[in-house]
Amino acid sequence: FIAIITGCGIAGSLLDSMLGATVQSQFRCHICGKITERTSHCDDSPTALISGFRRINNDLVNILCNAFAPLLCWFLIQ
């Protein structure tokens, strides 16, 4: 039982890393050139999308992964 819970937690963490690296939006500031997760930077200047999907931010990735781990655990225990 403990192994299933631990494995599901690790799976959720791995999914979080994978989604964060592939589909989470990243933007580049036009003024300073830094990469950020925000749609504006440097005095609220708009940023340019350089990777991922505009609507998928870190908060959404965290919500999805925090829902995935317990659902997977519930599925495996049933």
Protein backbone atom coordinates (compact mmCIF):
# COMPACT_ATOMS: atom_id res chain seq x y z
CA PHE A 1 0.00 0.00 0.00
CA ILE A 2 2.81 2.43 0.92
CA ALA A 3 4.64 1.50 -2.29
CA ILE A 4 1.57 2.35 -4.39
CA ILE A 5 1.19 5.75 -2.73
CA THR A 6 4.90 6.49 -3.13
CA GLY A 7 4.87 5.38 -6.76
CA CYS A 8 1.86 7.56 -7.53
CA GLY A 9 3.55 10.56 -5.91
CA ILE A 10 6.66 9.97 -8.01
CA ALA A 11 4.51 9.55 -11.14
CA GLY A 12 2.78 12.87 -10.41
CA SER A 13 6.13 14.57 -9.96
CA LEU A 14 7.47 13.14 -13.22
CA LEU A 15 4.32 14.21 -15.06
CA ASP A 16 4.74 17.71 -13.63
CA SER A 17 8.30 17.89 -14.95
CA MET A 18 7.33 16.51 -18.34
CA LEU A 19 4.38 18.88 -18.82
CA GLY A 20 6.41 21.81 -17.54
CA ALA A 21 9.15 21.13 -20.07
CA THR A 22 6.91 20.46 -23.06
CA VAL A 23 3.52 22.23 -22.97
CA GLN A 24 3.83 24.94 -20.30
CA SER A 25 4.07 28.42 -21.78
CA GLN A 26 7.34 30.33 -21.67
CA PHE A 27 7.72 33.91 -22.78
CA ARG A 28 10.66 36.18 -23.64
CA CYS A 29 10.72 39.79 -22.50
CA HIS A 30 11.26 42.22 -25.39
CA ILE A 31 13.12 44.66 -23.14
CA CYS A 32 15.57 42.58 -21.07
CA GLY A 33 15.50 39.31 -23.04
CA LYS A 34 14.84 37.14 -19.98
CA ILE A 35 12.66 34.04 -20.23
CA THR A 36 9.66 34.20 -17.92
CA GLU A 37 6.36 32.44 -17.22
CA ARG A 38 4.50 35.74 -17.25
CA THR A 39 2.74 37.41 -20.16
CA SER A 40 4.25 40.77 -19.16
CA HIS A 41 7.63 41.81 -17.74
CA CYS A 42 9.74 44.98 -17.29
CA ASP A 43 7.18 47.67 -16.47
CA ASP A 44 4.29 45.50 -17.70
CA SER A 45 5.73 45.29 -21.20
CA PRO A 46 4.15 42.42 -23.20
CA THR A 47 6.28 39.33 -23.76
CA ALA A 48 6.53 36.96 -26.74
CA LEU A 49 5.52 33.30 -26.52
CA ILE A 50 8.58 31.17 -27.30
CA SER A 51 7.42 27.69 -26.30
CA GLY A 52 4.40 25.77 -25.06
CA PHE A 53 0.77 26.79 -25.25
CA ARG A 54 -0.31 30.28 -24.17
CA ARG A 55 -3.14 29.10 -21.90
CA ILE A 56 -1.13 26.38 -20.13
CA ASN A 57 0.71 28.08 -17.28
CA ASN A 58 2.45 26.69 -14.21
CA ASP A 59 -0.72 26.85 -12.12
CA LEU A 60 -2.63 24.67 -14.58
CA VAL A 61 0.23 22.16 -14.78
CA ASN A 62 0.29 21.95 -10.97
CA ILE A 63 -3.48 21.45 -10.76
CA LEU A 64 -3.40 18.68 -13.36
CA CYS A 65 -0.53 16.85 -11.69
CA ASN A 66 -1.99 17.23 -8.21
CA ALA A 67 -5.21 15.68 -9.50
CA PHE A 68 -3.41 12.94 -11.46
CA ALA A 69 -1.48 11.40 -8.55
CA PRO A 70 -4.44 10.68 -6.23
CA LEU A 71 -6.63 9.53 -9.13
CA LEU A 72 -3.93 7.09 -10.23
CA CYS A 73 -3.57 5.88 -6.65
CA TRP A 74 -7.33 5.38 -6.31
CA PHE A 75 -7.43 3.51 -9.62
CA LEU A 76 -4.58 1.17 -8.60
CA ILE A 77 -6.02 0.43 -5.17
CA GLN A 78 -9.49 -0.46 -6.51
